[in-house]
Amino acid sequence: MMKPDFSQMSCKDLRAYVLVHRKDDDAIEALIKRRNPNSPKHRFPQAIFISAMPLPKLEESVHVAQHLKQMVAIWN
């Protein structure tokens, strides 16, 4: 089977090809290389580890979680 010429494909077509052929490393690499280095970066918040949380903060978090659980139960 001949692979398509990724340099001739539009970004939309290449992305669709990668979604269908997820194990095609050459296609994935071609798609990654097209990334715009000036595009905005989306940072995700850092994970909060319960073991590293001070006890008062942990108790507050548990209280908030219980309150949210009650509110969800009321809404449903």
N, C-alpha and C. Protein backbone atom coordinates (compact mmCIF):
# COMPACT_ATOMS: atom_id res chain seq x y z
N MET A 1 0.84 -1.19 0.00
CA MET A 1 0.00 0.00 0.00
C MET A 1 0.89 1.25 0.00
N MET A 2 0.57 2.17 -0.87
CA MET A 2 1.33 3.43 -0.93
C MET A 2 0.74 4.44 0.04
N LYS A 3 1.60 5.14 0.74
CA LYS A 3 1.15 6.18 1.65
C LYS A 3 0.90 7.45 0.86
N PRO A 4 -0.08 8.24 1.28
CA PRO A 4 -0.31 9.52 0.61
C PRO A 4 0.83 10.49 0.87
N ASP A 5 0.91 11.50 0.04
CA ASP A 5 1.93 12.54 0.21
C ASP A 5 1.39 13.54 1.23
N PHE A 6 1.89 13.45 2.45
CA PHE A 6 1.37 14.28 3.53
C PHE A 6 1.63 15.76 3.30
N SER A 7 2.68 16.09 2.57
CA SER A 7 2.99 17.50 2.32
C SER A 7 1.97 18.15 1.39
N GLN A 8 1.24 17.34 0.64
CA GLN A 8 0.23 17.87 -0.28
C GLN A 8 -1.16 17.93 0.35
N MET A 9 -1.30 17.33 1.51
CA MET A 9 -2.61 17.29 2.17
C MET A 9 -2.85 18.56 2.98
N SER A 10 -4.11 18.97 3.04
CA SER A 10 -4.44 20.11 3.91
C SER A 10 -4.37 19.64 5.36
N CYS A 11 -4.29 20.59 6.28
CA CYS A 11 -4.23 20.22 7.71
C CYS A 11 -5.47 19.44 8.12
N LYS A 12 -6.61 19.86 7.60
CA LYS A 12 -7.87 19.18 7.93
C LYS A 12 -7.84 17.74 7.43
N ASP A 13 -7.38 17.53 6.19
CA ASP A 13 -7.31 16.18 5.62
C ASP A 13 -6.28 15.33 6.36
N LEU A 14 -5.15 15.93 6.69
CA LEU A 14 -4.11 15.19 7.40
C LEU A 14 -4.59 14.78 8.79
N ARG A 15 -5.29 15.67 9.46
CA ARG A 15 -5.84 15.34 10.78
C ARG A 15 -6.84 14.20 10.67
N ALA A 16 -7.71 14.26 9.66
CA ALA A 16 -8.68 13.18 9.45
C ALA A 16 -7.97 11.86 9.16
N TYR A 17 -6.90 11.91 8.37
CA TYR A 17 -6.12 10.71 8.07
C TYR A 17 -5.51 10.13 9.34
N VAL A 18 -4.95 11.00 10.18
CA VAL A 18 -4.33 10.54 11.42
C VAL A 18 -5.36 9.92 12.35
N LEU A 19 -6.56 10.48 12.39
CA LEU A 19 -7.61 9.92 13.25
C LEU A 19 -8.01 8.51 12.81
N VAL A 20 -7.95 8.25 11.50
CA VAL A 20 -8.29 6.92 10.99
C VAL A 20 -7.10 5.97 11.10
N HIS A 21 -5.89 6.49 10.86
CA HIS A 21 -4.67 5.68 10.87
C HIS A 21 -3.80 6.07 12.06
N ARG A 22 -4.26 5.77 13.25
CA ARG A 22 -3.60 6.21 14.48
C ARG A 22 -2.21 5.62 14.70
N LYS A 23 -1.89 4.55 14.02
CA LYS A 23 -0.57 3.93 14.21
C LYS A 23 0.43 4.34 13.13
N ASP A 24 0.03 5.24 12.25
CA ASP A 24 0.93 5.70 11.19
C ASP A 24 1.81 6.83 11.76
N ASP A 25 2.98 6.46 12.22
CA ASP A 25 3.89 7.42 12.86
C ASP A 25 4.31 8.54 11.92
N ASP A 26 4.47 8.24 10.63
CA ASP A 26 4.88 9.27 9.67
C ASP A 26 3.80 10.34 9.55
N ALA A 27 2.54 9.93 9.53
CA ALA A 27 1.44 10.88 9.42
C ALA A 27 1.34 11.73 10.69
N ILE A 28 1.51 11.10 11.83
CA ILE A 28 1.45 11.83 13.10
C ILE A 28 2.58 12.85 13.17
N GLU A 29 3.77 12.43 12.76
CA GLU A 29 4.92 13.34 12.77
C GLU A 29 4.69 14.52 11.82
N ALA A 30 4.12 14.25 10.64
CA ALA A 30 3.83 15.32 9.68
C ALA A 30 2.84 16.32 10.27
N LEU A 31 1.83 15.81 10.97
CA LEU A 31 0.83 16.68 11.58
C LEU A 31 1.45 17.52 12.70
N ILE A 32 2.29 16.91 13.51
CA ILE A 32 2.93 17.64 14.61
C ILE A 32 3.85 18.73 14.08
N LYS A 33 4.54 18.45 13.00
CA LYS A 33 5.46 19.44 12.44
C LYS A 33 4.74 20.66 11.89
N ARG A 34 3.45 20.52 11.60
CA ARG A 34 2.68 21.66 11.08
C ARG A 34 2.20 22.59 12.19
N ARG A 35 2.44 22.23 13.41
CA ARG A 35 2.00 23.04 14.55
C ARG A 35 2.57 24.45 14.46
N ASN A 36 1.76 25.41 14.82
CA ASN A 36 2.19 26.80 14.83
C ASN A 36 2.83 27.10 16.19
N PRO A 37 4.13 27.40 16.22
CA PRO A 37 4.77 27.66 17.52
C PRO A 37 4.28 28.93 18.19
N ASN A 38 3.58 29.79 17.45
CA ASN A 38 3.08 31.04 18.02
C ASN A 38 1.64 30.93 18.50
N SER A 39 1.06 29.75 18.38
CA SER A 39 -0.33 29.59 18.83
C SER A 39 -0.38 29.70 20.35
N PRO A 40 -1.54 30.10 20.89
CA PRO A 40 -1.63 30.25 22.34
C PRO A 40 -1.43 28.92 23.05
N LYS A 41 -0.81 28.98 24.20
CA LYS A 41 -0.56 27.78 24.99
C LYS A 41 -1.61 27.70 26.09
N HIS A 42 -2.15 26.53 26.28
CA HIS A 42 -3.17 26.31 27.30
C HIS A 42 -2.56 25.50 28.44
N ARG A 43 -2.37 26.15 29.55
CA ARG A 43 -1.77 25.51 30.72
C ARG A 43 -2.89 24.90 31.57
N PHE A 44 -2.64 23.73 32.08
CA PHE A 44 -3.59 23.08 32.95
C PHE A 44 -3.16 23.29 34.39
N PRO A 45 -4.13 23.41 35.30
CA PRO A 45 -3.74 23.61 36.71
C PRO A 45 -3.00 22.39 37.23
N GLN A 46 -2.12 22.64 38.17
CA GLN A 46 -1.36 21.54 38.75
C GLN A 46 -2.27 20.68 39.61
N ALA A 47 -1.97 19.42 39.65
CA ALA A 47 -2.73 18.50 40.49
C ALA A 47 -2.49 18.82 41.96
N ILE A 48 -3.52 18.68 42.74
CA ILE A 48 -3.40 18.91 44.18
C ILE A 48 -3.37 17.54 44.85
N PHE A 49 -2.29 17.26 45.53
CA PHE A 49 -2.16 15.98 46.21
C PHE A 49 -2.68 16.12 47.63
N ILE A 50 -3.60 15.24 47.99
CA ILE A 50 -4.22 15.31 49.31
C ILE A 50 -3.17 15.15 50.41
N SER A 51 -2.19 14.30 50.18
CA SER A 51 -1.18 14.06 51.22
C SER A 51 -0.34 15.31 51.50
N ALA A 52 -0.25 16.22 50.53
CA ALA A 52 0.55 17.42 50.70
C ALA A 52 -0.27 18.59 51.23
N MET A 53 -1.58 18.40 51.39
CA MET A 53 -2.47 19.47 51.80
C MET A 53 -2.50 19.57 53.33
N PRO A 54 -2.40 20.78 53.89
CA PRO A 54 -2.51 20.93 55.34
C PRO A 54 -3.89 20.47 55.82
N LEU A 55 -3.97 19.96 57.02
CA LEU A 55 -5.21 19.37 57.53
C LEU A 55 -6.40 20.32 57.48
N PRO A 56 -6.31 21.60 57.92
CA PRO A 56 -7.47 22.49 57.82
C PRO A 56 -7.95 22.66 56.38
N LYS A 57 -7.03 22.75 55.45
CA LYS A 57 -7.40 22.90 54.05
C LYS A 57 -8.07 21.63 53.54
N LEU A 58 -7.57 20.48 53.97
CA LEU A 58 -8.15 19.20 53.57
C LEU A 58 -9.58 19.07 54.09
N GLU A 59 -9.79 19.44 55.36
CA GLU A 59 -11.13 19.37 55.94
C GLU A 59 -12.09 20.31 55.21
N GLU A 60 -11.61 21.49 54.84
CA GLU A 60 -12.42 22.44 54.09
C GLU A 60 -12.79 21.86 52.72
N SER A 61 -11.83 21.23 52.07
CA SER A 61 -12.07 20.63 50.76
C SER A 61 -13.10 19.51 50.84
N VAL A 62 -13.01 18.70 51.89
CA VAL A 62 -13.97 17.61 52.08
C VAL A 62 -15.36 18.20 52.32
N HIS A 63 -15.44 19.26 53.11
CA HIS A 63 -16.73 19.92 53.38
C HIS A 63 -17.33 20.47 52.09
N VAL A 64 -16.53 21.13 51.29
CA VAL A 64 -17.00 21.69 50.02
C VAL A 64 -17.47 20.57 49.09
N ALA A 65 -16.73 19.48 49.03
CA ALA A 65 -17.10 18.35 48.17
C ALA A 65 -18.44 17.75 48.62
N GLN A 66 -18.64 17.63 49.93
CA GLN A 66 -19.90 17.10 50.44
C GLN A 66 -21.06 18.03 50.11
N HIS A 67 -20.83 19.33 50.23
CA HIS A 67 -21.86 20.32 49.90
C HIS A 67 -22.22 20.24 48.41
N LEU A 68 -21.21 20.14 47.56
CA LEU A 68 -21.48 20.03 46.12
C LEU A 68 -22.25 18.76 45.80
N LYS A 69 -21.92 17.67 46.47
CA LYS A 69 -22.62 16.41 46.25
C LYS A 69 -24.10 16.55 46.63
N GLN A 70 -24.38 17.25 47.73
CA GLN A 70 -25.76 17.48 48.14
C GLN A 70 -26.50 18.34 47.12
N MET A 71 -25.84 19.37 46.62
CA MET A 71 -26.47 20.25 45.63
C MET A 71 -26.80 19.50 44.35
N VAL A 72 -25.89 18.63 43.91
CA VAL A 72 -26.14 17.84 42.70
C VAL A 72 -27.32 16.91 42.92
N ALA A 73 -27.41 16.32 44.10
CA ALA A 73 -28.53 15.42 44.42
C ALA A 73 -29.86 16.18 44.38
N ILE A 74 -29.86 17.42 44.84
CA ILE A 74 -31.07 18.24 44.83
C ILE A 74 -31.47 18.58 43.40
N TRP A 75 -30.50 18.92 42.56
CA TRP A 75 -30.79 19.31 41.17
C TRP A 75 -31.28 18.14 40.33
N ASN A 76 -30.85 16.93 40.69
CA ASN A 76 -31.26 15.75 39.91
C ASN A 76 -32.46 15.18 40.56
